[in-house]
Amino acid sequence: MKALVIEDKEYIRKGLLNLLQLVDTEVEVIGECESVKEAVVVANACKPDLIFLDINLTDGTGFDFLEQTESLNFKVIFITAYEEHALQALKIGAIDYLLKPVDIEELELALQKVSELSITKQKQQVKIVKEVWNNEDSKLILSLHDSFQVIDLNELLFCESDKGYTTFYCNDNKKYMVSKTLKEFEERLSKANFTRPHQSFMVNLKFIDKYDKSGVIHLKNGKKIPVSSRKKEQFLNAFLHWNNH
């Protein structure tokens, strides 16, 4: 398997080369690049089977490189750092990735995973990760049974949790269920103008039509959401702040 390493830090490149010699004799590194421009030229000339791709390069991102080499067929293992905001998209399982500094066991796992995934399937997953990367504040990836679904938080009405499952209700009448609790999404949704008026619900403030003082939220689509007595004050603060800002 011919491999190309695209990484702007030399010590990361050298470290990866050393690890590859230890874990997999089937991988032959045919080149190293540190910029998008250089990588595009080398990839087009050498047509690698596998690319180790840093997300942040000297003159752009790994996604810029992928856009300029769409006609080539190769598999990708991203190289990323803990602080990068795309890590959450990668963690959800949408793509193969290695954290810096590269760990030998993680490298072995990534090579195993990439060998089992078709190029077509991986290209589809890369597009999802790219969309979230470019729209981090307004996109969420849901891991469904047989796919990854991108949710536009600006069009998400509310979420409802029930017995370890959470259902996402969108403005286009579509809904998606995942086998995760609402708690796992609460922090992310709170940053996107959602409030939690009840243990079982999170609601998009922009879709609230009115609040009935008896303890019921009326959404613009007619759906009614209960407000628990314990969360009433917190909800009212968020609701009034949203409508006064």
C-alpha atoms as a PDB file:
ATOM      1  CA  MET A   1       0.000   0.000   0.000  1.00  0.00           C
ATOM      2  CA  LYS A   2       1.582   3.271  -1.156  1.00  0.00           C
ATOM      3  CA  ALA A   3       1.185   6.025   1.432  1.00  0.00           C
ATOM      4  CA  LEU A   4       1.691   9.787   1.461  1.00  0.00           C
ATOM      5  CA  VAL A   5       2.218  11.756   4.685  1.00  0.00           C
ATOM      6  CA  ILE A   6       0.830  15.315   4.592  1.00  0.00           C
ATOM      7  CA  GLU A   7       1.803  17.087   7.823  1.00  0.00           C
ATOM      8  CA  ASP A   8       3.394  20.492   8.375  1.00  0.00           C
ATOM      9  CA  LYS A   9       5.481  19.485  11.416  1.00  0.00           C
ATOM     10  CA  GLU A  10       8.595  17.513  10.559  1.00  0.00           C
ATOM     11  CA  TYR A  11       8.883  15.760  13.922  1.00  0.00           C
ATOM     12  CA  ILE A  12       5.335  14.389  13.533  1.00  0.00           C
ATOM     13  CA  ARG A  13       6.165  13.112  10.049  1.00  0.00           C
ATOM     14  CA  LYS A  14       9.378  11.427  11.204  1.00  0.00           C
ATOM     15  CA  GLY A  15       7.687   9.924  14.248  1.00  0.00           C
ATOM     16  CA  LEU A  16       4.917   8.482  12.084  1.00  0.00           C
ATOM     17  CA  LEU A  17       7.446   6.998   9.652  1.00  0.00           C
ATOM     18  CA  ASN A  18       9.264   5.290  12.517  1.00  0.00           C
ATOM     19  CA  LEU A  19       6.011   3.821  13.864  1.00  0.00           C
ATOM     20  CA  LEU A  20       4.960   2.573  10.435  1.00  0.00           C
ATOM     21  CA  GLN A  21       8.205   0.621  10.142  1.00  0.00           C
ATOM     22  CA  LEU A  22       7.363  -1.073  13.424  1.00  0.00           C
ATOM     23  CA  VAL A  23       3.706  -1.938  12.847  1.00  0.00           C
ATOM     24  CA  ASP A  24       3.085  -2.592   9.150  1.00  0.00           C
ATOM     25  CA  THR A  25       5.502  -3.694   6.461  1.00  0.00           C
ATOM     26  CA  GLU A  26       2.690  -3.456   3.873  1.00  0.00           C
ATOM     27  CA  VAL A  27       2.692   0.356   4.034  1.00  0.00           C
ATOM     28  CA  GLU A  28       5.343   2.006   1.860  1.00  0.00           C
ATOM     29  CA  VAL A  29       5.656   5.777   2.369  1.00  0.00           C
ATOM     30  CA  ILE A  30       6.359   7.292  -1.041  1.00  0.00           C
ATOM     31  CA  GLY A  31       6.413  10.947  -0.040  1.00  0.00           C
ATOM     32  CA  GLU A  32       6.105  13.656   2.602  1.00  0.00           C
ATOM     33  CA  CYS A  33       4.433  17.056   2.178  1.00  0.00           C
ATOM     34  CA  GLU A  34       3.802  20.040   4.448  1.00  0.00           C
ATOM     35  CA  SER A  35       1.444  22.207   2.358  1.00  0.00           C
ATOM     36  CA  VAL A  36      -1.763  21.844   0.343  1.00  0.00           C
ATOM     37  CA  LYS A  37      -0.067  23.044  -2.846  1.00  0.00           C
ATOM     38  CA  GLU A  38       2.807  20.589  -2.568  1.00  0.00           C
ATOM     39  CA  ALA A  39       0.524  17.714  -1.566  1.00  0.00           C
ATOM     40  CA  VAL A  40      -1.781  18.156  -4.563  1.00  0.00           C
ATOM     41  CA  VAL A  41       1.166  17.964  -6.975  1.00  0.00           C
ATOM     42  CA  VAL A  42       2.670  14.889  -5.316  1.00  0.00           C
ATOM     43  CA  ALA A  43      -0.672  13.070  -4.964  1.00  0.00           C
ATOM     44  CA  ASN A  44      -1.560  13.619  -8.620  1.00  0.00           C
ATOM     45  CA  ALA A  45       1.860  12.388  -9.705  1.00  0.00           C
ATOM     46  CA  CYS A  46       2.174   9.372  -7.392  1.00  0.00           C
ATOM     47  CA  LYS A  47      -1.476   8.316  -6.940  1.00  0.00           C
ATOM     48  CA  PRO A  48      -1.147   6.929  -3.383  1.00  0.00           C
ATOM     49  CA  ASP A  49      -3.460   4.310  -1.907  1.00  0.00           C
ATOM     50  CA  LEU A  50      -3.443   5.863   1.567  1.00  0.00           C
ATOM     51  CA  ILE A  51      -2.882   9.384   2.891  1.00  0.00           C
ATOM     52  CA  PHE A  52      -2.079  10.458   6.430  1.00  0.00           C
ATOM     53  CA  LEU A  53      -3.562  13.948   6.392  1.00  0.00           C
ATOM     54  CA  ASP A  54      -3.058  16.763   8.884  1.00  0.00           C
ATOM     55  CA  ILE A  55      -6.131  19.007   9.211  1.00  0.00           C
ATOM     56  CA  ASN A  56      -4.233  22.297   9.620  1.00  0.00           C
ATOM     57  CA  LEU A  57      -1.490  22.821   7.029  1.00  0.00           C
ATOM     58  CA  THR A  58       0.781  25.782   6.258  1.00  0.00           C
ATOM     59  CA  ASP A  59      -1.404  27.145   3.439  1.00  0.00           C
ATOM     60  CA  GLY A  60      -4.860  25.765   4.201  1.00  0.00           C
ATOM     61  CA  THR A  61      -6.605  22.673   5.544  1.00  0.00           C
ATOM     62  CA  GLY A  62      -6.705  18.992   4.728  1.00  0.00           C
ATOM     63  CA  PHE A  63     -10.193  19.566   3.331  1.00  0.00           C
ATOM     64  CA  ASP A  64      -8.747  22.023   0.786  1.00  0.00           C
ATOM     65  CA  PHE A  65      -6.424  19.249  -0.352  1.00  0.00           C
ATOM     66  CA  LEU A  66      -9.304  16.765  -0.643  1.00  0.00           C
ATOM     67  CA  GLU A  67     -11.328  19.206  -2.763  1.00  0.00           C
ATOM     68  CA  GLN A  68      -8.454  19.532  -5.220  1.00  0.00           C
ATOM     69  CA  THR A  69      -7.892  15.773  -5.507  1.00  0.00           C
ATOM     70  CA  GLU A  70     -11.501  14.554  -5.685  1.00  0.00           C
ATOM     71  CA  SER A  71     -10.790  12.554  -8.837  1.00  0.00           C
ATOM     72  CA  LEU A  72      -8.167  10.417  -7.081  1.00  0.00           C
ATOM     73  CA  ASN A  73      -9.043   7.217  -5.239  1.00  0.00           C
ATOM     74  CA  PHE A  74      -7.242   6.916  -1.923  1.00  0.00           C
ATOM     75  CA  LYS A  75      -8.101   6.277   1.700  1.00  0.00           C
ATOM     76  CA  VAL A  76      -7.521   8.867   4.416  1.00  0.00           C
ATOM     77  CA  ILE A  77      -6.404   8.781   8.040  1.00  0.00           C
ATOM     78  CA  PHE A  78      -6.607  12.240   9.589  1.00  0.00           C
ATOM     79  CA  ILE A  79      -3.949  13.494  11.982  1.00  0.00           C
ATOM     80  CA  THR A  80      -5.304  15.954  14.526  1.00  0.00           C
ATOM     81  CA  ALA A  81      -4.702  17.561  17.933  1.00  0.00           C
ATOM     82  CA  TYR A  82      -6.909  17.507  21.038  1.00  0.00           C
ATOM     83  CA  GLU A  83      -7.754  21.195  20.865  1.00  0.00           C
ATOM     84  CA  GLU A  84      -9.011  21.187  17.292  1.00  0.00           C
ATOM     85  CA  HIS A  85     -12.743  21.801  17.097  1.00  0.00           C
ATOM     86  CA  ALA A  86     -13.321  19.110  14.474  1.00  0.00           C
ATOM     87  CA  LEU A  87     -12.284  16.407  16.912  1.00  0.00           C
ATOM     88  CA  GLN A  88     -15.868  15.871  18.093  1.00  0.00           C
ATOM     89  CA  ALA A  89     -16.935  15.159  14.515  1.00  0.00           C
ATOM     90  CA  LEU A  90     -14.091  12.687  14.158  1.00  0.00           C
ATOM     91  CA  LYS A  91     -14.738  11.037  17.525  1.00  0.00           C
ATOM     92  CA  ILE A  92     -18.311  10.154  16.663  1.00  0.00           C
ATOM     93  CA  GLY A  93     -16.911   7.516  14.331  1.00  0.00           C
ATOM     94  CA  ALA A  94     -17.339   9.280  11.012  1.00  0.00           C
ATOM     95  CA  ILE A  95     -13.731   8.838   9.969  1.00  0.00           C
ATOM     96  CA  ASP A  96     -10.341   7.387  10.879  1.00  0.00           C
ATOM     97  CA  TYR A  97      -8.090   9.697  12.850  1.00  0.00           C
ATOM     98  CA  LEU A  98      -4.905   9.786  14.906  1.00  0.00           C
ATOM     99  CA  LEU A  99      -4.239  12.154  17.758  1.00  0.00           C
ATOM    100  CA  LYS A 100      -0.883  13.904  18.086  1.00  0.00           C
ATOM    101  CA  PRO A 101       1.515  12.645  19.246  1.00  0.00           C
ATOM    102  CA  VAL A 102       0.729   9.448  17.359  1.00  0.00           C
ATOM    103  CA  ASP A 103       0.423   6.321  19.512  1.00  0.00           C
ATOM    104  CA  ILE A 104       1.541   2.991  18.053  1.00  0.00           C
ATOM    105  CA  GLU A 105      -1.582   1.097  19.203  1.00  0.00           C
ATOM    106  CA  GLU A 106      -3.882   3.783  17.794  1.00  0.00           C
ATOM    107  CA  LEU A 107      -1.962   3.608  14.516  1.00  0.00           C
ATOM    108  CA  GLU A 108      -2.511  -0.140  14.314  1.00  0.00           C
ATOM    109  CA  LEU A 109      -6.233   0.282  14.970  1.00  0.00           C
ATOM    110  CA  ALA A 110      -6.552   3.041  12.352  1.00  0.00           C
ATOM    111  CA  LEU A 111      -4.777   0.934   9.724  1.00  0.00           C
ATOM    112  CA  GLN A 112      -7.078  -1.993  10.491  1.00  0.00           C
ATOM    113  CA  LYS A 113     -10.168   0.200  10.271  1.00  0.00           C
ATOM    114  CA  VAL A 114      -9.160   1.881   7.030  1.00  0.00           C
ATOM    115  CA  SER A 115      -8.433  -1.498   5.410  1.00  0.00           C
ATOM    116  CA  GLU A 116     -12.029  -2.581   6.073  1.00  0.00           C
ATOM    117  CA  LEU A 117     -13.706   0.581   4.759  1.00  0.00           C
ATOM    118  CA  SER A 118     -14.405   1.129   1.074  1.00  0.00           C
ATOM    119  CA  ILE A 119     -13.137   4.301  -0.604  1.00  0.00           C
ATOM    120  CA  THR A 120     -16.688   5.252  -1.634  1.00  0.00           C
ATOM    121  CA  LYS A 121     -18.001   4.934   1.909  1.00  0.00           C
ATOM    122  CA  GLN A 122     -15.109   6.914   3.337  1.00  0.00           C
ATOM    123  CA  LYS A 123     -15.582   9.745   0.836  1.00  0.00           C
ATOM    124  CA  GLN A 124     -19.192  10.050   1.982  1.00  0.00           C
ATOM    125  CA  GLN A 125     -18.080  10.227   5.598  1.00  0.00           C
ATOM    126  CA  VAL A 126     -15.387  12.821   4.854  1.00  0.00           C
ATOM    127  CA  LYS A 127     -18.067  15.091   3.384  1.00  0.00           C
ATOM    128  CA  ILE A 128     -20.020  14.889   6.644  1.00  0.00           C
ATOM    129  CA  VAL A 129     -16.962  15.757   8.734  1.00  0.00           C
ATOM    130  CA  LYS A 130     -16.130  18.656   6.419  1.00  0.00           C
ATOM    131  CA  GLU A 131     -19.648  20.078   6.712  1.00  0.00           C
ATOM    132  CA  VAL A 132     -19.465  20.018  10.494  1.00  0.00           C
ATOM    133  CA  TRP A 133     -15.950  21.513  10.434  1.00  0.00           C
ATOM    134  CA  ASN A 134     -17.128  24.448   8.327  1.00  0.00           C
ATOM    135  CA  ASN A 135     -20.340  24.986  10.304  1.00  0.00           C
ATOM    136  CA  GLU A 136     -19.389  23.922  13.810  1.00  0.00           C
ATOM    137  CA  ASP A 137     -21.764  26.292  15.580  1.00  0.00           C
ATOM    138  CA  SER A 138     -24.864  25.236  13.655  1.00  0.00           C
ATOM    139  CA  LYS A 139     -24.363  21.558  12.816  1.00  0.00           C
ATOM    140  CA  LEU A 140     -24.619  18.350  14.802  1.00  0.00           C
ATOM    141  CA  ILE A 141     -23.842  14.801  13.674  1.00  0.00           C
ATOM    142  CA  LEU A 142     -26.160  12.020  14.825  1.00  0.00           C
ATOM    143  CA  SER A 143     -24.889   8.452  14.703  1.00  0.00           C
ATOM    144  CA  LEU A 144     -27.902   6.446  13.492  1.00  0.00           C
ATOM    145  CA  HIS A 145     -28.171   2.694  13.059  1.00  0.00           C
ATOM    146  CA  ASP A 146     -26.912   2.630   9.478  1.00  0.00           C
ATOM    147  CA  SER A 147     -25.678   6.163   8.755  1.00  0.00           C
ATOM    148  CA  PHE A 148     -24.467   9.512  10.056  1.00  0.00           C
ATOM    149  CA  GLN A 149     -27.078  12.270   9.884  1.00  0.00           C
ATOM    150  CA  VAL A 150     -26.159  15.963   9.822  1.00  0.00           C
ATOM    151  CA  ILE A 151     -28.643  18.115  11.753  1.00  0.00           C
ATOM    152  CA  ASP A 152     -28.977  21.854  11.169  1.00  0.00           C
ATOM    153  CA  LEU A 153     -29.535  23.192  14.686  1.00  0.00           C
ATOM    154  CA  ASN A 154     -31.248  26.267  13.245  1.00  0.00           C
ATOM    155  CA  GLU A 155     -33.990  23.944  11.954  1.00  0.00           C
ATOM    156  CA  LEU A 156     -34.224  21.653  14.983  1.00  0.00           C
ATOM    157  CA  LEU A 157     -37.463  22.264  16.917  1.00  0.00           C
ATOM    158  CA  PHE A 158     -36.917  20.166  20.028  1.00  0.00           C
ATOM    159  CA  CYS A 159     -35.510  16.915  21.403  1.00  0.00           C
ATOM    160  CA  GLU A 160     -37.363  14.370  23.486  1.00  0.00           C
ATOM    161  CA  SER A 161     -35.713  11.768  25.678  1.00  0.00           C
ATOM    162  CA  ASP A 162     -37.259   8.447  26.674  1.00  0.00           C
ATOM    163  CA  LYS A 163     -35.633   5.434  28.362  1.00  0.00           C
ATOM    164  CA  GLY A 164     -32.106   6.063  27.123  1.00  0.00           C
ATOM    165  CA  TYR A 165     -33.162   7.165  23.636  1.00  0.00           C
ATOM    166  CA  THR A 166     -33.395  10.707  22.260  1.00  0.00           C
ATOM    167  CA  THR A 167     -35.573  11.768  19.317  1.00  0.00           C
ATOM    168  CA  PHE A 168     -34.735  14.905  17.318  1.00  0.00           C
ATOM    169  CA  TYR A 169     -37.715  16.693  15.730  1.00  0.00           C
ATOM    170  CA  CYS A 170     -36.892  18.981  12.805  1.00  0.00           C
ATOM    171  CA  ASN A 171     -38.775  21.821  11.154  1.00  0.00           C
ATOM    172  CA  ASP A 172     -39.262  19.789   7.945  1.00  0.00           C
ATOM    173  CA  ASN A 173     -41.306  17.188   9.914  1.00  0.00           C
ATOM    174  CA  LYS A 174     -38.440  14.677   9.872  1.00  0.00           C
ATOM    175  CA  LYS A 175     -37.349  13.018  13.086  1.00  0.00           C
ATOM    176  CA  TYR A 176     -34.306  10.972  14.056  1.00  0.00           C
ATOM    177  CA  MET A 177     -33.818   8.667  17.040  1.00  0.00           C
ATOM    178  CA  VAL A 178     -30.458   7.851  18.609  1.00  0.00           C
ATOM    179  CA  SER A 179     -29.582   5.472  21.444  1.00  0.00           C
ATOM    180  CA  LYS A 180     -28.152   8.197  23.678  1.00  0.00           C
ATOM    181  CA  THR A 181     -29.558  10.182  26.569  1.00  0.00           C
ATOM    182  CA  LEU A 182     -30.479  13.835  26.282  1.00  0.00           C
ATOM    183  CA  LYS A 183     -27.794  14.631  28.856  1.00  0.00           C
ATOM    184  CA  GLU A 184     -25.121  13.730  26.314  1.00  0.00           C
ATOM    185  CA  PHE A 185     -26.350  16.512  24.000  1.00  0.00           C
ATOM    186  CA  GLU A 186     -27.275  19.124  26.604  1.00  0.00           C
ATOM    187  CA  GLU A 187     -24.007  21.067  26.678  1.00  0.00           C
ATOM    188  CA  ARG A 188     -23.766  21.248  22.870  1.00  0.00           C
ATOM    189  CA  LEU A 189     -27.409  22.302  22.436  1.00  0.00           C
ATOM    190  CA  SER A 190     -27.272  24.876  25.240  1.00  0.00           C
ATOM    191  CA  LYS A 191     -24.631  26.743  23.243  1.00  0.00           C
ATOM    192  CA  ALA A 192     -27.051  26.867  20.288  1.00  0.00           C
ATOM    193  CA  ASN A 193     -29.966  28.623  22.046  1.00  0.00           C
ATOM    194  CA  PHE A 194     -31.722  25.529  23.348  1.00  0.00           C
ATOM    195  CA  THR A 195     -33.194  25.358  26.834  1.00  0.00           C
ATOM    196  CA  ARG A 196     -34.178  22.372  28.979  1.00  0.00           C
ATOM    197  CA  PRO A 197     -37.576  23.116  30.566  1.00  0.00           C
ATOM    198  CA  HIS A 198     -38.176  19.507  31.533  1.00  0.00           C
ATOM    199  CA  GLN A 199     -36.068  16.412  32.213  1.00  0.00           C
ATOM    200  CA  SER A 200     -37.333  14.846  28.982  1.00  0.00           C
ATOM    201  CA  PHE A 201     -37.130  17.855  26.624  1.00  0.00           C
ATOM    202  CA  MET A 202     -34.774  20.416  25.121  1.00  0.00           C
ATOM    203  CA  VAL A 203     -36.405  23.188  23.094  1.00  0.00           C
ATOM    204  CA  ASN A 204     -35.104  25.625  20.489  1.00  0.00           C
ATOM    205  CA  LEU A 205     -35.960  29.101  21.845  1.00  0.00           C
ATOM    206  CA  LYS A 206     -36.479  30.500  18.340  1.00  0.00           C
ATOM    207  CA  PHE A 207     -39.461  28.175  17.745  1.00  0.00           C
ATOM    208  CA  ILE A 208     -41.400  29.068  20.900  1.00  0.00           C
ATOM    209  CA  ASP A 209     -44.655  30.842  20.091  1.00  0.00           C
ATOM    210  CA  LYS A 210     -45.741  31.493  23.677  1.00  0.00           C
ATOM    211  CA  TYR A 211     -45.460  30.310  27.251  1.00  0.00           C
ATOM    212  CA  ASP A 212     -48.644  29.494  29.136  1.00  0.00           C
ATOM    213  CA  LYS A 213     -48.239  30.415  32.819  1.00  0.00           C
ATOM    214  CA  SER A 214     -49.866  27.133  33.761  1.00  0.00           C
ATOM    215  CA  GLY A 215     -46.553  25.576  32.771  1.00  0.00           C
ATOM    216  CA  VAL A 216     -46.809  24.767  29.068  1.00  0.00           C
ATOM    217  CA  ILE A 217     -44.676  25.891  26.109  1.00  0.00           C
ATOM    218  CA  HIS A 218     -46.472  26.310  22.773  1.00  0.00           C
ATOM    219  CA  LEU A 219     -44.218  25.855  19.760  1.00  0.00           C
ATOM    220  CA  LYS A 220     -44.907  27.536  16.419  1.00  0.00           C
ATOM    221  CA  ASN A 221     -45.901  24.183  14.899  1.00  0.00           C
ATOM    222  CA  GLY A 222     -48.545  23.607  17.584  1.00  0.00           C
ATOM    223  CA  LYS A 223     -46.566  21.151  19.696  1.00  0.00           C
ATOM    224  CA  LYS A 224     -46.911  21.611  23.475  1.00  0.00           C
ATOM    225  CA  ILE A 225     -43.951  21.039  25.807  1.00  0.00           C
ATOM    226  CA  PRO A 226     -44.323  20.820  29.600  1.00  0.00           C
ATOM    227  CA  VAL A 227     -42.229  22.928  31.980  1.00  0.00           C
ATOM    228  CA  SER A 228     -41.391  21.216  35.266  1.00  0.00           C
ATOM    229  CA  SER A 229     -41.744  23.238  38.473  1.00  0.00           C
ATOM    230  CA  ARG A 230     -38.091  22.587  39.276  1.00  0.00           C
ATOM    231  CA  LYS A 231     -36.907  24.073  35.965  1.00  0.00           C
ATOM    232  CA  LYS A 232     -39.492  26.857  35.644  1.00  0.00           C
ATOM    233  CA  GLU A 233     -37.297  29.724  36.874  1.00  0.00           C
ATOM    234  CA  GLN A 234     -34.353  28.645  34.731  1.00  0.00           C
ATOM    235  CA  PHE A 235     -36.590  28.348  31.669  1.00  0.00           C
ATOM    236  CA  LEU A 236     -38.231  31.760  32.197  1.00  0.00           C
ATOM    237  CA  ASN A 237     -34.833  33.435  32.504  1.00  0.00           C
ATOM    238  CA  ALA A 238     -33.699  31.910  29.207  1.00  0.00           C
ATOM    239  CA  PHE A 239     -37.032  32.623  27.484  1.00  0.00           C
ATOM    240  CA  LEU A 240     -37.195  36.262  28.552  1.00  0.00           C
ATOM    241  CA  HIS A 241     -33.528  36.886  27.767  1.00  0.00           C
ATOM    242  CA  TRP A 242     -33.965  35.391  24.272  1.00  0.00           C
ATOM    243  CA  ASN A 243     -36.975  37.579  23.518  1.00  0.00           C
ATOM    244  CA  ASN A 244     -35.302  40.760  24.801  1.00  0.00           C
ATOM    245  CA  HIS A 245     -31.925  40.431  23.102  1.00  0.00           C
END
